[in-house]
Amino acid sequence: MHNAESGRIRHSLLIRLWREETAQGEAEWRGQIQHLHSGEVHYVRGLHALTQIVQTMIAMPEQDEKAGEK
């Protein structure tokens, strides 16, 4: 979301994390990331995937954010 007063772009993300046992008996992080402004949702396996998705979600061009506010 673009804040016209401060010139900042802000993103609100809801991140849910949990551990799940794999078929090999090891625990693995799973997660759901939701961009609250756009409603976009992604599911991930592993913390590395989590950081990649978050970086992608917050790299949205400013024009897309402004268009969503109308």
Protein backbone atom coordinates (compact mmCIF):
# COMPACT_ATOMS: atom_id res chain seq x y z
CA MET A 1 0.00 0.00 0.00
CA HIS A 2 1.34 3.45 -0.93
CA ASN A 3 1.22 6.15 1.73
CA ALA A 4 1.05 9.49 -0.13
CA GLU A 5 1.96 11.53 2.96
CA SER A 6 5.25 9.79 3.65
CA GLY A 7 6.01 8.51 0.14
CA ARG A 8 6.47 5.03 1.62
CA ILE A 9 5.17 1.78 0.27
CA ARG A 10 3.91 -0.55 2.99
CA HIS A 11 2.92 -4.18 2.78
CA SER A 12 0.91 -6.13 5.34
CA LEU A 13 1.56 -9.85 5.21
CA LEU A 14 0.01 -12.58 7.32
CA ILE A 15 2.48 -15.44 7.70
CA ARG A 16 1.48 -18.75 9.25
CA LEU A 17 4.20 -21.30 9.99
CA TRP A 18 4.04 -24.87 11.21
CA ARG A 19 6.23 -27.98 11.26
CA GLU A 20 5.18 -31.13 9.47
CA GLU A 21 6.74 -34.57 9.51
CA THR A 22 7.95 -35.83 6.12
CA ALA A 23 7.68 -39.42 4.85
CA GLN A 24 11.30 -39.87 5.98
CA GLY A 25 10.35 -38.96 9.56
CA GLU A 26 12.05 -35.56 9.51
CA ALA A 27 10.36 -32.30 10.50
CA GLU A 28 9.99 -29.65 7.80
CA TRP A 29 8.73 -26.06 7.96
CA ARG A 30 5.56 -25.31 6.01
CA GLY A 31 3.89 -21.96 5.64
CA GLN A 32 1.15 -19.82 4.20
CA ILE A 33 1.81 -16.19 3.24
CA GLN A 34 -1.09 -13.85 2.48
CA HIS A 35 -0.70 -10.29 1.18
CA LEU A 36 -3.54 -8.60 3.06
CA HIS A 37 -4.07 -5.77 0.55
CA SER A 38 -4.28 -7.89 -2.61
CA GLY A 39 -5.46 -11.17 -1.06
CA GLU A 40 -2.67 -13.05 -2.86
CA VAL A 41 -1.85 -16.33 -1.03
CA HIS A 42 1.15 -18.65 -1.38
CA TYR A 43 2.01 -21.92 0.36
CA VAL A 44 5.64 -22.87 0.93
CA ARG A 45 7.80 -25.76 2.06
CA GLY A 46 10.97 -24.70 3.86
CA LEU A 47 12.17 -21.37 5.19
CA HIS A 48 14.21 -20.61 2.07
CA ALA A 49 11.03 -20.72 -0.04
CA LEU A 50 9.33 -18.45 2.50
CA THR A 51 11.94 -15.72 2.09
CA GLN A 52 11.83 -15.99 -1.70
CA ILE A 53 8.04 -15.60 -1.83
CA VAL A 54 8.07 -12.66 0.60
CA GLN A 55 10.72 -10.90 -1.50
CA THR A 56 8.62 -11.46 -4.63
CA MET A 57 5.43 -10.23 -2.98
CA ILE A 58 6.95 -6.99 -1.68
CA ALA A 59 8.75 -6.25 -4.95
CA MET A 60 5.46 -5.35 -6.66
CA PRO A 61 5.77 -2.15 -8.71
CA GLU A 62 4.37 0.99 -7.14
CA GLN A 63 1.89 1.42 -10.02
CA ASP A 64 0.23 -1.90 -9.16
CA GLU A 65 -0.17 -0.83 -5.57
CA LYS A 66 -1.71 2.54 -6.51
CA ALA A 67 -4.13 0.87 -8.92
CA GLY A 68 -5.38 -1.38 -6.13
CA GLU A 69 -6.30 1.59 -3.94
CA LYS A 70 -8.88 3.06 -6.35
